[in-house]
Amino acid sequence: MKYLLTFLRDQDRMYEATEEEMKRAMDAWNAFDREAIEAGALIAIEPLEEPASAKTIRVAEDGEHSVTDGPFAETKEQLGGFCLLECASLEEAIGWAEKVPMGAGAIEVRAVKDSLHTATRAPAPGRSRRRRRCGLSRPATGSTPRP
């Protein structure tokens, strides 16, 4: 079963690390990536751009859409990134979450619904319905800061 780990951090502290602290953090993230890849659990892991770059799209009851700048949250804690894993159980996913080398914040662990069994639409042209694991052959480069 797939599990999504979302990384929530204080937006004011997300980007204030020194160069040395960032290097140590990247080394820890790269070690986490390697371990999850070697275990066959990692599907995808990515940091997100700063919250100020986000747009929020609201859908009204009548179907009308409105777009506003930034995330719409009444909190300083913001989504900093995510990790998609293939795990045998929730307990295994929680075990991976406990290994995430993130500073103070929160990690939400949530099962991903398997929509392949309920989907009725045809796949997009050039795509198949079969599952594919993304990112496993891509080596961790350490060039992108993690949340």
N, C-alpha and C. Protein backbone atom coordinates (compact mmCIF):
# COMPACT_ATOMS: atom_id res chain seq x y z
N MET A 1 0.84 -1.17 0.00
CA MET A 1 0.00 0.00 0.00
C MET A 1 0.89 1.23 0.00
N LYS A 2 0.42 2.27 -0.67
CA LYS A 2 1.18 3.53 -0.69
C LYS A 2 0.81 4.39 0.51
N TYR A 3 1.82 5.08 1.04
CA TYR A 3 1.62 6.03 2.13
C TYR A 3 2.30 7.33 1.76
N LEU A 4 1.62 8.44 2.06
CA LEU A 4 2.18 9.76 1.82
C LEU A 4 2.61 10.36 3.15
N LEU A 5 3.85 10.78 3.22
CA LEU A 5 4.37 11.49 4.37
C LEU A 5 4.45 12.95 3.96
N THR A 6 3.80 13.84 4.70
CA THR A 6 3.90 15.26 4.41
C THR A 6 4.67 15.92 5.55
N PHE A 7 5.56 16.81 5.17
CA PHE A 7 6.47 17.45 6.12
C PHE A 7 6.00 18.87 6.40
N LEU A 8 5.63 19.14 7.64
CA LEU A 8 5.12 20.45 8.04
C LEU A 8 6.13 21.12 8.97
N ARG A 9 6.49 22.35 8.62
CA ARG A 9 7.48 23.09 9.42
C ARG A 9 7.02 24.52 9.60
N ASP A 10 7.59 25.18 10.59
CA ASP A 10 7.36 26.60 10.80
C ASP A 10 7.95 27.35 9.61
N GLN A 11 7.11 28.08 8.88
CA GLN A 11 7.57 28.73 7.66
C GLN A 11 8.68 29.74 7.91
N ASP A 12 8.73 30.34 9.08
CA ASP A 12 9.78 31.32 9.38
C ASP A 12 11.13 30.65 9.62
N ARG A 13 11.15 29.37 9.93
CA ARG A 13 12.40 28.67 10.23
C ARG A 13 12.85 27.75 9.10
N MET A 14 12.02 27.59 8.06
CA MET A 14 12.33 26.65 6.99
C MET A 14 13.61 26.98 6.24
N TYR A 15 13.91 28.25 6.08
CA TYR A 15 14.99 28.65 5.17
C TYR A 15 16.08 29.47 5.86
N GLU A 16 16.25 29.31 7.17
CA GLU A 16 17.22 30.13 7.87
C GLU A 16 18.49 29.39 8.27
N ALA A 17 18.74 28.22 7.72
CA ALA A 17 19.93 27.43 8.07
C ALA A 17 21.19 28.06 7.49
N THR A 18 22.30 27.89 8.21
CA THR A 18 23.59 28.31 7.70
C THR A 18 24.03 27.33 6.62
N GLU A 19 25.07 27.67 5.89
CA GLU A 19 25.58 26.78 4.85
C GLU A 19 26.01 25.44 5.44
N GLU A 20 26.68 25.45 6.58
CA GLU A 20 27.13 24.21 7.23
C GLU A 20 25.94 23.38 7.71
N GLU A 21 24.93 24.03 8.30
CA GLU A 21 23.73 23.32 8.74
C GLU A 21 22.99 22.71 7.54
N MET A 22 22.95 23.43 6.42
CA MET A 22 22.30 22.93 5.22
C MET A 22 23.06 21.71 4.67
N LYS A 23 24.39 21.74 4.71
CA LYS A 23 25.17 20.60 4.23
C LYS A 23 24.90 19.37 5.09
N ARG A 24 24.89 19.54 6.42
CA ARG A 24 24.59 18.42 7.32
C ARG A 24 23.19 17.87 7.06
N ALA A 25 22.24 18.78 6.87
CA ALA A 25 20.86 18.36 6.60
C ALA A 25 20.78 17.59 5.28
N MET A 26 21.46 18.07 4.25
CA MET A 26 21.44 17.39 2.96
C MET A 26 22.09 16.01 3.05
N ASP A 27 23.17 15.90 3.82
CA ASP A 27 23.80 14.59 4.02
C ASP A 27 22.83 13.62 4.68
N ALA A 28 22.09 14.11 5.68
CA ALA A 28 21.11 13.26 6.38
C ALA A 28 19.97 12.87 5.44
N TRP A 29 19.48 13.83 4.63
CA TRP A 29 18.41 13.52 3.68
C TRP A 29 18.88 12.52 2.64
N ASN A 30 20.11 12.67 2.14
CA ASN A 30 20.63 11.74 1.14
C ASN A 30 20.76 10.33 1.72
N ALA A 31 21.16 10.23 2.99
CA ALA A 31 21.24 8.92 3.65
C ALA A 31 19.84 8.30 3.77
N PHE A 32 18.85 9.12 4.15
CA PHE A 32 17.47 8.64 4.23
C PHE A 32 17.01 8.14 2.86
N ASP A 33 17.26 8.94 1.82
CA ASP A 33 16.87 8.56 0.45
C ASP A 33 17.49 7.21 0.06
N ARG A 34 18.79 7.08 0.29
CA ARG A 34 19.48 5.83 -0.08
C ARG A 34 18.88 4.64 0.65
N GLU A 35 18.64 4.78 1.95
CA GLU A 35 18.08 3.67 2.73
C GLU A 35 16.70 3.28 2.21
N ALA A 36 15.86 4.27 1.93
CA ALA A 36 14.50 3.99 1.44
C ALA A 36 14.53 3.38 0.04
N ILE A 37 15.46 3.82 -0.81
CA ILE A 37 15.61 3.25 -2.15
C ILE A 37 16.06 1.80 -2.04
N GLU A 38 17.10 1.56 -1.23
CA GLU A 38 17.63 0.20 -1.07
C GLU A 38 16.59 -0.75 -0.50
N ALA A 39 15.68 -0.25 0.33
CA ALA A 39 14.62 -1.07 0.91
C ALA A 39 13.46 -1.28 -0.08
N GLY A 40 13.49 -0.57 -1.21
CA GLY A 40 12.43 -0.69 -2.19
C GLY A 40 11.15 0.04 -1.79
N ALA A 41 11.26 0.96 -0.84
CA ALA A 41 10.07 1.65 -0.34
C ALA A 41 9.84 3.00 -1.03
N LEU A 42 10.89 3.67 -1.44
CA LEU A 42 10.75 5.04 -1.95
C LEU A 42 10.17 5.07 -3.35
N ILE A 43 9.09 5.82 -3.51
CA ILE A 43 8.49 6.05 -4.82
C ILE A 43 8.86 7.46 -5.29
N ALA A 44 8.69 8.44 -4.41
CA ALA A 44 9.03 9.83 -4.75
C ALA A 44 9.26 10.61 -3.47
N ILE A 45 10.16 11.58 -3.53
CA ILE A 45 10.39 12.47 -2.41
C ILE A 45 10.85 13.80 -2.99
N GLU A 46 10.17 14.88 -2.60
CA GLU A 46 10.49 16.19 -3.15
C GLU A 46 10.21 17.28 -2.13
N PRO A 47 11.07 18.30 -2.11
CA PRO A 47 10.75 19.50 -1.32
C PRO A 47 9.85 20.40 -2.16
N LEU A 48 9.17 21.33 -1.53
CA LEU A 48 8.33 22.28 -2.23
C LEU A 48 8.98 23.66 -2.19
N GLU A 49 8.61 24.50 -3.14
CA GLU A 49 9.08 25.88 -3.13
C GLU A 49 8.50 26.59 -1.91
N GLU A 50 8.97 27.80 -1.66
CA GLU A 50 8.50 28.57 -0.50
C GLU A 50 6.99 28.78 -0.56
N PRO A 51 6.34 28.82 0.61
CA PRO A 51 4.89 28.98 0.64
C PRO A 51 4.40 30.21 -0.13
N ALA A 52 5.17 31.28 -0.18
CA ALA A 52 4.75 32.49 -0.88
C ALA A 52 4.55 32.26 -2.38
N SER A 53 5.14 31.19 -2.92
CA SER A 53 4.99 30.91 -4.35
C SER A 53 3.71 30.13 -4.66
N ALA A 54 2.98 29.73 -3.64
CA ALA A 54 1.77 28.92 -3.83
C ALA A 54 0.59 29.77 -4.28
N LYS A 55 -0.36 29.10 -4.89
CA LYS A 55 -1.66 29.67 -5.23
C LYS A 55 -2.72 28.76 -4.63
N THR A 56 -3.80 29.33 -4.15
CA THR A 56 -4.91 28.54 -3.63
C THR A 56 -6.11 28.76 -4.53
N ILE A 57 -6.69 27.68 -5.00
CA ILE A 57 -7.87 27.75 -5.85
C ILE A 57 -9.06 27.29 -5.02
N ARG A 58 -10.02 28.16 -4.85
CA ARG A 58 -11.24 27.85 -4.12
C ARG A 58 -12.35 27.56 -5.13
N VAL A 59 -13.13 26.53 -4.85
CA VAL A 59 -14.27 26.17 -5.70
C VAL A 59 -15.53 26.43 -4.90
N ALA A 60 -16.37 27.33 -5.40
CA ALA A 60 -17.61 27.69 -4.73
C ALA A 60 -18.68 26.63 -4.99
N GLU A 61 -19.74 26.69 -4.23
CA GLU A 61 -20.86 25.75 -4.39
C GLU A 61 -21.37 25.72 -5.83
N ASP A 62 -21.36 26.90 -6.49
CA ASP A 62 -21.87 26.98 -7.87
C ASP A 62 -20.83 26.57 -8.91
N GLY A 63 -19.65 26.12 -8.44
CA GLY A 63 -18.61 25.67 -9.36
C GLY A 63 -17.64 26.75 -9.79
N GLU A 64 -17.89 27.98 -9.39
CA GLU A 64 -16.99 29.09 -9.75
C GLU A 64 -15.66 28.94 -9.01
N HIS A 65 -14.58 29.26 -9.72
CA HIS A 65 -13.23 29.16 -9.15
C HIS A 65 -12.66 30.54 -8.86
N SER A 66 -11.96 30.66 -7.75
CA SER A 66 -11.23 31.89 -7.47
C SER A 66 -9.81 31.51 -7.07
N VAL A 67 -8.86 32.30 -7.52
CA VAL A 67 -7.44 32.04 -7.27
C VAL A 67 -6.89 33.15 -6.39
N THR A 68 -6.22 32.75 -5.31
CA THR A 68 -5.58 33.73 -4.43
C THR A 68 -4.11 33.38 -4.28
N ASP A 69 -3.31 34.37 -3.93
CA ASP A 69 -1.88 34.16 -3.73
C ASP A 69 -1.62 33.47 -2.41
N GLY A 70 -0.62 32.58 -2.42
CA GLY A 70 -0.14 31.94 -1.20
C GLY A 70 -1.02 30.81 -0.72
N PRO A 71 -0.49 30.07 0.25
CA PRO A 71 -1.30 29.01 0.86
C PRO A 71 -2.35 29.66 1.75
N PHE A 72 -3.47 29.02 1.88
CA PHE A 72 -4.51 29.55 2.75
C PHE A 72 -4.48 28.77 4.04
N ALA A 73 -3.72 29.25 4.99
CA ALA A 73 -3.61 28.57 6.28
C ALA A 73 -3.55 29.61 7.38
N GLU A 74 -4.24 29.36 8.44
CA GLU A 74 -4.25 30.26 9.59
C GLU A 74 -3.18 29.85 10.59
N THR A 75 -2.07 29.42 10.10
CA THR A 75 -1.01 28.92 10.96
C THR A 75 0.34 29.26 10.35
N LYS A 76 1.39 29.26 11.17
CA LYS A 76 2.74 29.48 10.66
C LYS A 76 3.33 28.19 10.11
N GLU A 77 2.72 27.06 10.46
CA GLU A 77 3.22 25.76 9.99
C GLU A 77 2.75 25.54 8.56
N GLN A 78 3.70 25.24 7.67
CA GLN A 78 3.38 25.09 6.26
C GLN A 78 3.93 23.78 5.72
N LEU A 79 3.35 23.30 4.64
CA LEU A 79 3.80 22.11 3.96
C LEU A 79 5.12 22.41 3.28
N GLY A 80 6.17 21.65 3.64
CA GLY A 80 7.49 21.89 3.09
C GLY A 80 7.91 20.86 2.06
N GLY A 81 7.28 19.69 2.05
CA GLY A 81 7.64 18.65 1.10
C GLY A 81 6.84 17.40 1.38
N PHE A 82 7.16 16.35 0.61
CA PHE A 82 6.44 15.10 0.77
C PHE A 82 7.32 13.93 0.40
N CYS A 83 6.89 12.76 0.83
CA CYS A 83 7.56 11.50 0.49
C CYS A 83 6.46 10.47 0.24
N LEU A 84 6.51 9.81 -0.90
CA LEU A 84 5.55 8.77 -1.23
C LEU A 84 6.26 7.43 -1.12
N LEU A 85 5.73 6.55 -0.28
CA LEU A 85 6.36 5.26 -0.01
C LEU A 85 5.42 4.10 -0.33
N GLU A 86 6.01 2.97 -0.62
CA GLU A 86 5.27 1.71 -0.74
C GLU A 86 5.62 0.90 0.49
N CYS A 87 4.63 0.64 1.34
CA CYS A 87 4.87 -0.05 2.61
C CYS A 87 3.84 -1.16 2.80
N ALA A 88 4.20 -2.16 3.56
CA ALA A 88 3.30 -3.28 3.84
C ALA A 88 2.23 -2.91 4.86
N SER A 89 2.50 -1.87 5.68
CA SER A 89 1.55 -1.54 6.74
C SER A 89 1.74 -0.10 7.19
N LEU A 90 0.76 0.40 7.91
CA LEU A 90 0.86 1.73 8.51
C LEU A 90 2.04 1.79 9.47
N GLU A 91 2.26 0.72 10.20
CA GLU A 91 3.38 0.69 11.16
C GLU A 91 4.72 0.87 10.45
N GLU A 92 4.87 0.22 9.27
CA GLU A 92 6.10 0.38 8.50
C GLU A 92 6.26 1.83 8.04
N ALA A 93 5.16 2.45 7.57
CA ALA A 93 5.21 3.84 7.13
C ALA A 93 5.58 4.77 8.28
N ILE A 94 5.04 4.50 9.47
CA ILE A 94 5.39 5.30 10.64
C ILE A 94 6.87 5.11 10.98
N GLY A 95 7.38 3.90 10.82
CA GLY A 95 8.80 3.65 11.05
C GLY A 95 9.66 4.50 10.13
N TRP A 96 9.26 4.62 8.85
CA TRP A 96 10.01 5.48 7.92
C TRP A 96 9.88 6.93 8.35
N ALA A 97 8.70 7.36 8.77
CA ALA A 97 8.50 8.75 9.20
C ALA A 97 9.41 9.08 10.37
N GLU A 98 9.62 8.11 11.26
CA GLU A 98 10.50 8.34 12.41
C GLU A 98 11.96 8.49 12.00
N LYS A 99 12.31 8.05 10.80
CA LYS A 99 13.68 8.19 10.30
C LYS A 99 13.91 9.47 9.51
N VAL A 100 12.86 10.21 9.20
CA VAL A 100 12.99 11.43 8.40
C VAL A 100 13.86 12.43 9.17
N PRO A 101 14.93 12.92 8.53
CA PRO A 101 15.85 13.84 9.22
C PRO A 101 15.38 15.29 9.15
N MET A 102 14.22 15.56 9.69
CA MET A 102 13.64 16.89 9.64
C MET A 102 13.79 17.56 10.99
N GLY A 103 13.93 18.87 10.98
CA GLY A 103 13.96 19.62 12.23
C GLY A 103 12.59 19.62 12.88
N ALA A 104 12.40 20.50 13.85
CA ALA A 104 11.13 20.58 14.57
C ALA A 104 9.98 20.81 13.60
N GLY A 105 8.89 20.14 13.83
CA GLY A 105 7.72 20.25 12.97
C GLY A 105 6.84 19.03 13.15
N ALA A 106 6.15 18.65 12.10
CA ALA A 106 5.26 17.49 12.16
C ALA A 106 5.34 16.73 10.84
N ILE A 107 5.13 15.43 10.92
CA ILE A 107 5.06 14.58 9.73
C ILE A 107 3.72 13.87 9.79
N GLU A 108 2.90 14.13 8.79
CA GLU A 108 1.62 13.44 8.70
C GLU A 108 1.81 12.20 7.84
N VAL A 109 1.31 11.07 8.30
CA VAL A 109 1.37 9.82 7.55
C VAL A 109 -0.06 9.46 7.17
N ARG A 110 -0.28 9.30 5.86
CA ARG A 110 -1.64 9.01 5.41
C ARG A 110 -1.60 7.97 4.28
N ALA A 111 -2.49 6.98 4.37
CA ALA A 111 -2.60 5.99 3.30
C ALA A 111 -3.16 6.65 2.05
N VAL A 112 -2.67 6.20 0.89
CA VAL A 112 -3.16 6.69 -0.40
C VAL A 112 -4.20 5.69 -0.89
N LYS A 113 -5.37 6.20 -1.27
CA LYS A 113 -6.41 5.32 -1.79
C LYS A 113 -5.95 4.73 -3.11
N ASP A 114 -6.25 3.47 -3.31
CA ASP A 114 -5.91 2.79 -4.55
C ASP A 114 -7.05 3.00 -5.54
N SER A 115 -6.92 4.00 -6.39
CA SER A 115 -7.99 4.32 -7.32
C SER A 115 -7.95 3.47 -8.58
N LEU A 116 -6.92 2.63 -8.77
CA LEU A 116 -6.86 1.78 -9.95
C LEU A 116 -8.02 0.80 -10.00
N HIS A 117 -8.48 0.37 -8.84
CA HIS A 117 -9.57 -0.61 -8.80
C HIS A 117 -10.93 0.04 -8.98
N THR A 118 -11.01 1.35 -8.79
CA THR A 118 -12.30 2.02 -8.91
C THR A 118 -12.36 2.95 -10.12
N ALA A 119 -11.22 3.18 -10.78
CA ALA A 119 -11.21 4.10 -11.92
C ALA A 119 -11.97 3.52 -13.09
N THR A 120 -12.74 4.39 -13.75
CA THR A 120 -13.49 3.95 -14.92
C THR A 120 -13.01 4.64 -16.19
N ARG A 121 -12.20 5.68 -16.04
CA ARG A 121 -11.76 6.39 -17.24
C ARG A 121 -10.56 5.68 -17.86
N ALA A 122 -10.41 5.89 -19.14
CA ALA A 122 -9.29 5.29 -19.88
C ALA A 122 -8.01 6.07 -19.58
N PRO A 123 -6.85 5.42 -19.66
CA PRO A 123 -5.60 6.14 -19.43
C PRO A 123 -5.37 7.16 -20.54
N ALA A 124 -4.58 8.17 -20.25
CA ALA A 124 -4.24 9.19 -21.24
C ALA A 124 -3.49 8.54 -22.40
N PRO A 125 -3.57 9.13 -23.60
CA PRO A 125 -2.86 8.56 -24.75
C PRO A 125 -1.38 8.38 -24.44
N GLY A 126 -0.85 7.21 -24.80
CA GLY A 126 0.56 6.94 -24.57
C GLY A 126 0.87 6.44 -23.18
N ARG A 127 -0.13 6.28 -22.32
CA ARG A 127 0.09 5.82 -20.95
C ARG A 127 -0.66 4.53 -20.72
N SER A 128 -0.14 3.70 -19.86
CA SER A 128 -0.83 2.46 -19.54
C SER A 128 -1.41 2.53 -18.15
N ARG A 129 -2.27 1.59 -17.81
CA ARG A 129 -2.84 1.53 -16.47
C ARG A 129 -1.91 0.88 -15.46
N ARG A 130 -0.89 0.20 -15.95
CA ARG A 130 -0.05 -0.52 -15.00
C ARG A 130 0.72 0.45 -14.11
N ARG A 131 0.96 0.01 -12.91
CA ARG A 131 1.66 0.84 -11.93
C ARG A 131 3.12 0.94 -12.29
N ARG A 132 3.68 2.07 -11.93
CA ARG A 132 5.08 2.33 -12.20
C ARG A 132 5.67 3.01 -10.98
N ARG A 133 6.83 2.59 -10.58
CA ARG A 133 7.50 3.22 -9.45
C ARG A 133 8.38 4.33 -9.99
N CYS A 134 8.15 5.52 -9.51
CA CYS A 134 8.87 6.69 -10.01
C CYS A 134 10.08 6.99 -9.12
N GLY A 135 11.14 7.42 -9.75
CA GLY A 135 12.26 7.96 -9.02
C GLY A 135 13.23 6.95 -8.44
N LEU A 136 12.99 5.65 -8.55
CA LEU A 136 13.89 4.70 -7.91
C LEU A 136 15.24 4.61 -8.60
N SER A 137 15.29 4.88 -9.90
CA SER A 137 16.57 4.79 -10.59
C SER A 137 17.32 6.11 -10.55
N ARG A 138 16.70 7.16 -10.07
CA ARG A 138 17.33 8.47 -10.01
C ARG A 138 18.18 8.56 -8.75
N PRO A 139 19.47 8.78 -8.89
CA PRO A 139 20.31 8.88 -7.70
C PRO A 139 20.05 10.18 -6.95
N ALA A 140 20.21 10.13 -5.65
CA ALA A 140 20.08 11.33 -4.84
C ALA A 140 21.28 12.21 -5.12
N THR A 141 21.03 13.44 -5.57
CA THR A 141 22.14 14.31 -5.96
C THR A 141 22.55 15.26 -4.86
N GLY A 142 21.64 15.54 -3.98
CA GLY A 142 21.96 16.47 -2.90
C GLY A 142 21.91 17.92 -3.36
N SER A 143 21.41 18.19 -4.57
CA SER A 143 21.42 19.55 -5.08
C SER A 143 20.17 20.34 -4.70
N THR A 144 19.12 19.66 -4.23
CA THR A 144 17.89 20.34 -3.87
C THR A 144 17.68 20.27 -2.37
N PRO A 145 17.55 21.43 -1.70
CA PRO A 145 17.34 21.40 -0.23
C PRO A 145 16.06 20.67 0.12
N ARG A 146 16.08 19.91 1.16
CA ARG A 146 14.90 19.21 1.67
C ARG A 146 14.22 20.08 2.71
N PRO A 147 12.93 19.85 2.97
CA PRO A 147 12.23 20.63 3.99
C PRO A 147 12.78 20.36 5.37
